[in-house]
Amino acid sequence: MEMFFTLLLAGLVALKDYIALHVVTCLIPAFLLAGAIVSFVSRETIIAYLGSAANKVSSFGIAAGGSFFIAACSCTVIPVASGIYYGGAGIGAAFILLWVAPAANILALVYTGSILGSQMVLARLISALLMSFVVGFVMAGAFYREEKNRVSTIQMSSGQLMTKKSVVLLLLLVGWLLAPNYIVTHGPYWQKVVVWAVGLTVVTVYALKTIDMDKIKDWLKETWWFVRIIFPLLLAGVFIVGIIGAVLPQEWIETWLGGAGLRQSFLATMIGAVTYFATMTEAPFVDTLMHLGMGNGPALALLLTGPGISLPNWLAIAKVFGMKKALVYVPTIIVLGTLVGWVAGFILG
């Protein structure tokens, strides 16, 4: 009974920390941005640049390049990725955003460099970029027929071109999402809340003055759809991760993650794939493990998969994109993370 309450407490503590640190400053702007993408961005525009019929190298490059500027964790990025997907983007481009934004955004890369050095941050950047294209081609190839039917359906629907007012609103939403992490890189959490509140005020005033009320209602309706589908699963996943963290002994990690073998890389990848890491928190965690004997290869694998995927991320992807897509995407990331860590272990020493 004592063990039960200990594990229950661990899950509740993880849930409390997640709600306190991520729901306000991260998830609320992310959900509103996802709803705005569906409501204000014309499907024709998304299809032209990121759709399944677009040139793969070009669309994947745009998706990967743009993802570097979104400082989001594996859960926060789901509303944004699903927003462009249901807005008409191809599955390859959508899942590249889903991967690159948490695995290698600029903020996380800069922070990684300051803690682990330029060699590790360069390895992380190159690995994430190479993995993104593999992920894009795997997802596009695995669901080729489905995408073909989906694109033909989307192309039959009509929509107006995006207005300048909508462009400004989207830019303000992106700025609101990024500002707390980019402006307040150090210091207490309340400072991020202050920045977030200022962003909320700017977005609200601009929307009420420039956007028709019916369009705002549509926007909020789309936003609520994402909240209703995704948020409960995130909470359940974070609770489970808190329990896992309490069960997994630190001595086990120290013993099994040293060296540069395939086994060590796989174990590091699996730890990262299950455990939830908010963006930027993976760097100090990996730094601690490296001081305890963790190898460079497993460290890189954990840097990539830690913020890139998580158990809450698995559940939410299965709900939003479908179980089949989750069953292709997650193993693909695990395999790629393992191979990248294994190869990096020999290159980085």
Protein backbone atom coordinates (compact mmCIF):
# COMPACT_ATOMS: atom_id res chain seq x y z
CA MET A 1 0.00 0.00 0.00
CA GLU A 2 2.88 2.35 0.78
CA MET A 3 4.38 1.69 -2.65
CA PHE A 4 1.02 2.45 -4.26
CA PHE A 5 0.80 5.84 -2.60
CA THR A 6 4.43 6.59 -3.46
CA LEU A 7 3.79 5.92 -7.15
CA LEU A 8 0.50 7.82 -7.04
CA LEU A 9 2.28 10.80 -5.52
CA ALA A 10 5.00 10.64 -8.17
CA GLY A 11 2.37 10.74 -10.92
CA LEU A 12 0.52 13.63 -9.27
CA VAL A 13 3.73 15.61 -8.78
CA ALA A 14 4.65 15.16 -12.46
CA LEU A 15 1.12 16.26 -13.38
CA LYS A 16 1.32 19.30 -11.11
CA ASP A 17 4.66 20.39 -12.55
CA TYR A 18 3.43 19.88 -16.12
CA ILE A 19 0.27 21.93 -15.59
CA ALA A 20 2.13 24.67 -13.72
CA LEU A 21 4.98 25.04 -16.19
CA HIS A 22 3.52 24.19 -19.59
CA VAL A 23 -0.24 24.58 -19.89
CA VAL A 24 -0.36 28.36 -19.65
CA THR A 25 2.77 29.52 -21.45
CA CYS A 26 3.01 26.69 -23.99
CA LEU A 27 -0.17 24.78 -24.67
CA ILE A 28 -2.70 27.63 -24.72
CA PRO A 29 -0.83 29.57 -27.45
CA ALA A 30 -0.13 26.31 -29.31
CA PHE A 31 -3.80 25.27 -29.36
CA LEU A 32 -4.88 28.76 -30.49
CA LEU A 33 -2.23 28.73 -33.22
CA ALA A 34 -3.44 25.32 -34.43
CA GLY A 35 -7.02 26.56 -34.57
CA ALA A 36 -5.93 29.70 -36.40
CA ILE A 37 -4.03 27.71 -39.02
CA VAL A 38 -7.16 25.71 -39.82
CA SER A 39 -9.41 28.81 -39.73
CA PHE A 40 -7.34 31.46 -41.51
CA VAL A 41 -4.77 29.78 -43.76
CA SER A 42 -6.19 28.74 -47.11
CA ARG A 43 -5.86 25.07 -47.89
CA GLU A 44 -4.65 25.93 -51.37
CA THR A 45 -1.62 27.75 -49.90
CA ILE A 46 -0.70 24.87 -47.62
CA ILE A 47 -1.17 22.34 -50.42
CA ALA A 48 1.02 24.40 -52.77
CA TYR A 49 4.02 24.41 -50.43
CA LEU A 50 3.56 21.48 -48.04
CA GLY A 51 0.95 19.25 -49.66
CA SER A 52 1.50 15.67 -50.79
CA ALA A 53 1.55 16.72 -54.44
CA ALA A 54 4.30 19.30 -53.83
CA ASN A 55 7.95 18.49 -54.51
CA LYS A 56 9.09 16.33 -51.61
CA VAL A 57 12.57 17.79 -51.22
CA SER A 58 11.20 21.34 -51.31
CA SER A 59 8.25 20.77 -48.98
CA PHE A 60 10.31 18.72 -46.54
CA GLY A 61 13.03 21.38 -46.55
CA ILE A 62 10.51 24.14 -45.81
CA ALA A 63 8.94 22.09 -43.03
CA ALA A 64 12.32 21.23 -41.47
CA GLY A 65 13.69 24.76 -41.79
CA GLY A 66 10.61 26.37 -40.32
CA SER A 67 10.55 23.88 -37.45
CA PHE A 68 13.91 25.09 -36.14
CA PHE A 69 12.24 28.36 -35.11
CA ILE A 70 9.50 26.74 -33.03
CA ALA A 71 10.65 26.18 -29.46
CA ALA A 72 8.19 23.48 -28.46
CA CYS A 73 8.24 20.19 -26.59
CA SER A 74 6.89 16.93 -27.97
CA CYS A 75 3.40 17.60 -26.60
CA THR A 76 3.13 21.31 -27.36
CA VAL A 77 3.98 20.80 -31.04
CA ILE A 78 1.15 18.31 -31.67
CA PRO A 79 -1.59 20.96 -32.02
CA VAL A 80 0.58 22.93 -34.45
CA ALA A 81 1.49 19.90 -36.58
CA SER A 82 -2.09 18.62 -36.63
CA GLY A 83 -3.23 22.13 -37.53
CA ILE A 84 -1.19 22.24 -40.74
CA TYR A 85 -2.04 18.59 -41.48
CA TYR A 86 -5.79 19.10 -41.30
CA GLY A 87 -5.29 22.37 -43.15
CA GLY A 88 -3.97 20.43 -46.15
CA ALA A 89 -0.27 19.75 -45.56
CA GLY A 90 1.10 16.37 -46.56
CA ILE A 91 1.72 13.81 -43.87
CA GLY A 92 5.48 13.90 -44.48
CA ALA A 93 5.75 17.66 -43.88
CA ALA A 94 3.44 17.53 -40.86
CA PHE A 95 5.45 14.78 -39.18
CA ILE A 96 8.73 16.56 -39.94
CA LEU A 97 7.40 19.52 -37.97
CA LEU A 98 6.26 17.10 -35.28
CA TRP A 99 9.84 15.79 -35.03
CA VAL A 100 12.20 18.71 -35.66
CA ALA A 101 10.52 21.40 -33.53
CA PRO A 102 11.04 19.59 -30.22
CA ALA A 103 14.18 17.65 -31.23
CA ALA A 104 16.27 20.53 -32.57
CA ASN A 105 14.73 23.98 -32.25
CA ILE A 106 17.12 26.92 -32.14
CA LEU A 107 16.57 27.63 -28.46
CA ALA A 108 17.36 24.04 -27.47
CA LEU A 109 20.39 23.98 -29.77
CA VAL A 110 21.84 27.15 -28.28
CA TYR A 111 21.28 25.87 -24.77
CA THR A 112 22.79 22.49 -25.65
CA GLY A 113 25.89 24.24 -26.98
CA SER A 114 26.30 26.28 -23.81
CA ILE A 115 26.21 23.15 -21.64
CA LEU A 116 27.60 20.31 -23.78
CA GLY A 117 29.79 22.17 -26.28
CA SER A 118 29.78 22.93 -30.00
CA GLN A 119 30.59 19.36 -31.07
CA MET A 120 27.45 17.94 -29.47
CA VAL A 121 25.19 20.72 -30.73
CA LEU A 122 26.49 20.29 -34.29
CA ALA A 123 25.91 16.54 -34.08
CA ARG A 124 22.38 17.17 -32.79
CA LEU A 125 21.58 19.63 -35.58
CA ILE A 126 22.88 17.44 -38.42
CA SER A 127 21.29 14.29 -37.00
CA ALA A 128 17.88 15.92 -36.54
CA LEU A 129 17.94 17.31 -40.08
CA LEU A 130 18.91 13.97 -41.65
CA MET A 131 16.34 12.13 -39.54
CA SER A 132 13.63 14.61 -40.54
CA PHE A 133 13.93 13.76 -44.24
CA VAL A 134 13.90 10.04 -43.50
CA VAL A 135 10.79 10.50 -41.34
CA GLY A 136 9.12 12.52 -44.10
CA PHE A 137 9.78 9.94 -46.80
CA VAL A 138 8.81 7.01 -44.55
CA MET A 139 5.47 8.56 -43.58
CA ALA A 140 4.72 9.71 -47.13
CA GLY A 141 5.58 6.28 -48.54
CA ALA A 142 3.73 4.29 -45.88
CA PHE A 143 0.51 6.24 -46.39
CA TYR A 144 0.82 7.03 -50.09
CA ARG A 145 -2.64 5.78 -51.08
CA GLU A 146 -4.37 7.45 -48.18
CA GLU A 147 -2.63 10.74 -48.95
CA LYS A 148 -3.58 10.51 -52.59
CA ASN A 149 -7.27 10.17 -51.72
CA ARG A 150 -7.02 12.85 -49.05
CA VAL A 151 -5.42 15.38 -51.37
CA SER A 152 -8.06 14.88 -54.04
CA THR A 153 -10.75 15.51 -51.42
CA ILE A 154 -9.05 18.64 -50.15
CA GLN A 155 -8.53 20.02 -53.63
CA MET A 156 -12.25 19.81 -54.34
CA SER A 157 -12.98 22.19 -51.46
CA SER A 158 -12.85 25.93 -52.04
CA GLY A 159 -11.33 28.62 -49.86
CA GLN A 160 -10.35 32.26 -49.94
CA LEU A 161 -6.78 33.45 -50.03
CA MET A 162 -5.29 34.38 -46.71
CA THR A 163 -5.75 38.06 -45.83
CA LYS A 164 -3.02 40.36 -44.53
CA LYS A 165 -4.89 40.63 -41.24
CA SER A 166 -4.79 36.86 -40.87
CA VAL A 167 -1.06 36.80 -41.64
CA VAL A 168 -0.40 39.35 -38.91
CA LEU A 169 -2.56 37.39 -36.47
CA LEU A 170 -0.64 34.18 -37.16
CA LEU A 171 2.69 35.98 -36.72
CA LEU A 172 1.47 37.40 -33.42
CA LEU A 173 0.41 33.92 -32.29
CA VAL A 174 3.80 32.45 -33.23
CA GLY A 175 5.51 35.29 -31.38
CA TRP A 176 3.27 34.71 -28.37
CA LEU A 177 4.13 31.00 -28.38
CA LEU A 178 7.89 31.60 -28.64
CA ALA A 179 8.30 34.77 -26.55
CA PRO A 180 8.30 33.28 -23.01
CA ASN A 181 11.15 30.88 -23.83
CA TYR A 182 13.10 33.22 -26.10
CA ILE A 183 12.87 36.33 -23.93
CA VAL A 184 13.14 34.69 -20.51
CA THR A 185 15.91 32.12 -20.90
CA HIS A 186 16.83 32.30 -17.22
CA GLY A 187 15.04 33.43 -14.12
CA PRO A 188 11.85 32.50 -12.26
CA TYR A 189 8.81 31.12 -14.06
CA TRP A 190 6.63 34.11 -13.19
CA GLN A 191 8.68 36.21 -15.60
CA LYS A 192 7.61 33.90 -18.42
CA VAL A 193 4.01 34.31 -17.29
CA VAL A 194 4.37 38.08 -17.48
CA VAL A 195 5.71 37.85 -21.04
CA TRP A 196 2.89 35.43 -21.87
CA ALA A 197 0.29 37.84 -20.44
CA VAL A 198 1.64 40.69 -22.54
CA GLY A 199 1.44 38.49 -25.63
CA LEU A 200 -2.13 37.48 -24.76
CA THR A 201 -3.12 41.14 -24.47
CA VAL A 202 -1.59 42.01 -27.84
CA VAL A 203 -3.22 39.05 -29.61
CA THR A 204 -6.62 39.70 -28.02
CA VAL A 205 -6.68 43.40 -28.83
CA TYR A 206 -5.55 42.82 -32.41
CA ALA A 207 -8.07 40.02 -33.00
CA LEU A 208 -11.01 41.98 -31.61
CA LYS A 209 -10.14 45.08 -33.66
CA THR A 210 -9.38 43.44 -36.99
CA ILE A 211 -11.07 40.03 -37.23
CA ASP A 212 -14.79 39.56 -37.80
CA MET A 213 -16.55 38.11 -34.74
CA ASP A 214 -17.93 35.15 -36.70
CA LYS A 215 -14.40 34.24 -37.79
CA ILE A 216 -13.20 34.53 -34.20
CA LYS A 217 -15.96 32.13 -33.12
CA ASP A 218 -14.91 29.68 -35.85
CA TRP A 219 -11.31 30.02 -34.70
CA LEU A 220 -12.21 29.28 -31.07
CA LYS A 221 -14.36 26.35 -32.19
CA GLU A 222 -11.42 24.81 -34.07
CA THR A 223 -9.16 25.48 -31.09
CA TRP A 224 -11.56 23.71 -28.74
CA TRP A 225 -11.55 20.67 -31.01
CA PHE A 226 -7.79 20.34 -30.56
CA VAL A 227 -8.04 20.90 -26.80
CA ARG A 228 -10.81 18.33 -26.40
CA ILE A 229 -8.97 15.66 -28.39
CA ILE A 230 -5.38 16.18 -27.22
CA PHE A 231 -5.30 17.65 -23.71
CA PRO A 232 -6.80 14.73 -21.71
CA LEU A 233 -4.31 12.33 -23.30
CA LEU A 234 -1.40 14.59 -22.45
CA LEU A 235 -2.42 14.67 -18.80
CA ALA A 236 -2.81 10.89 -18.66
CA GLY A 237 0.57 10.38 -20.33
CA VAL A 238 2.40 12.79 -18.02
CA PHE A 239 0.91 11.03 -14.99
CA ILE A 240 2.17 7.65 -16.24
CA VAL A 241 5.62 9.09 -16.99
CA GLY A 242 5.85 10.39 -13.42
CA ILE A 243 5.26 6.86 -12.14
CA ILE A 244 7.85 5.42 -14.53
CA GLY A 245 10.38 7.98 -13.34
CA ALA A 246 9.87 6.89 -9.75
CA VAL A 247 10.30 3.20 -10.62
CA LEU A 248 13.43 3.49 -12.79
CA PRO A 249 16.54 3.50 -10.56
CA GLN A 250 19.39 5.86 -11.37
CA GLU A 251 21.97 3.12 -10.79
CA TRP A 252 20.53 1.18 -13.70
CA ILE A 253 21.04 4.15 -16.01
CA GLU A 254 24.62 4.63 -14.89
CA THR A 255 25.43 0.96 -15.46
CA TRP A 256 23.79 0.45 -18.85
CA LEU A 257 24.40 3.73 -20.70
CA GLY A 258 28.19 3.83 -20.69
CA GLY A 259 30.21 3.16 -23.83
CA ALA A 260 29.29 3.41 -27.50
CA GLY A 261 27.52 0.16 -28.35
CA LEU A 262 24.23 -0.47 -30.10
CA ARG A 263 22.66 -1.69 -26.85
CA GLN A 264 23.55 1.51 -24.98
CA SER A 265 22.20 3.66 -27.79
CA PHE A 266 18.95 1.67 -27.92
CA LEU A 267 18.43 1.93 -24.17
CA ALA A 268 19.07 5.69 -24.25
CA THR A 269 16.63 6.03 -27.13
CA MET A 270 13.95 4.07 -25.27
CA ILE A 271 14.40 6.13 -22.11
CA GLY A 272 14.02 9.29 -24.19
CA ALA A 273 11.09 7.86 -26.14
CA VAL A 274 9.07 7.09 -23.03
CA THR A 275 10.05 9.89 -20.64
CA TYR A 276 8.64 13.39 -21.03
CA PHE A 277 11.22 16.19 -21.39
CA ALA A 278 10.18 19.80 -21.79
CA THR A 279 12.31 21.54 -24.40
CA MET A 280 15.72 22.57 -23.01
CA THR A 281 15.43 20.33 -19.93
CA GLU A 282 17.12 17.46 -21.73
CA ALA A 283 20.52 19.20 -21.94
CA PRO A 284 21.24 19.49 -18.19
CA PHE A 285 19.83 15.98 -17.64
CA VAL A 286 22.15 14.51 -20.28
CA ASP A 287 25.05 16.54 -18.90
CA THR A 288 24.49 14.96 -15.48
CA LEU A 289 24.39 11.46 -16.94
CA MET A 290 27.54 12.09 -18.97
CA HIS A 291 29.38 13.07 -15.80
CA LEU A 292 28.24 9.73 -14.38
CA GLY A 293 29.73 7.83 -17.30
CA MET A 294 27.18 8.01 -20.11
CA GLY A 295 28.76 7.74 -23.57
CA ASN A 296 28.56 10.42 -26.26
CA GLY A 297 26.51 8.25 -28.60
CA PRO A 298 23.77 7.38 -26.10
CA ALA A 299 23.85 11.02 -24.98
CA LEU A 300 23.05 12.21 -28.51
CA ALA A 301 20.30 9.59 -28.84
CA LEU A 302 18.74 10.85 -25.62
CA LEU A 303 19.12 14.50 -26.70
CA LEU A 304 17.14 13.73 -29.84
CA THR A 305 14.45 11.38 -28.60
CA GLY A 306 14.04 12.89 -25.12
CA PRO A 307 12.34 16.10 -26.24
CA GLY A 308 11.33 14.68 -29.64
CA ILE A 309 8.90 12.00 -28.50
CA SER A 310 7.40 10.82 -25.22
CA LEU A 311 4.67 8.54 -23.94
CA PRO A 312 2.14 11.42 -23.84
CA ASN A 313 3.23 12.23 -27.39
CA TRP A 314 2.55 8.64 -28.52
CA LEU A 315 -0.98 8.68 -27.12
CA ALA A 316 -1.85 12.07 -28.56
CA ILE A 317 -0.49 11.21 -32.03
CA ALA A 318 -2.54 8.00 -32.08
CA LYS A 319 -5.66 9.98 -31.20
CA VAL A 320 -5.13 12.91 -33.56
CA PHE A 321 -3.50 11.24 -36.57
CA GLY A 322 -4.66 7.66 -36.10
CA MET A 323 -3.17 4.51 -34.56
CA LYS A 324 -1.58 3.32 -37.81
CA LYS A 325 0.42 6.52 -38.20
CA ALA A 326 1.59 6.36 -34.60
CA LEU A 327 2.67 2.74 -35.10
CA VAL A 328 4.81 3.78 -38.08
CA TYR A 329 6.17 7.08 -36.72
CA VAL A 330 7.22 6.02 -33.21
CA PRO A 331 9.20 2.88 -34.22
CA THR A 332 10.80 4.88 -37.05
CA ILE A 333 12.09 7.45 -34.56
CA ILE A 334 13.29 4.74 -32.19
CA VAL A 335 15.20 2.94 -34.94
CA LEU A 336 16.70 6.16 -36.31
CA GLY A 337 17.63 7.42 -32.83
CA THR A 338 19.33 4.13 -32.05
CA LEU A 339 21.32 4.09 -35.30
CA VAL A 340 22.31 7.76 -35.02
CA GLY A 341 23.49 7.29 -31.44
CA TRP A 342 25.40 4.15 -32.36
CA VAL A 343 27.21 5.81 -35.28
CA ALA A 344 27.84 9.00 -33.29
CA GLY A 345 29.37 6.95 -30.50
CA PHE A 346 32.24 5.98 -32.81
CA ILE A 347 32.58 9.40 -34.44
CA LEU A 348 32.41 11.50 -31.26
CA GLY A 349 34.42 9.03 -29.23
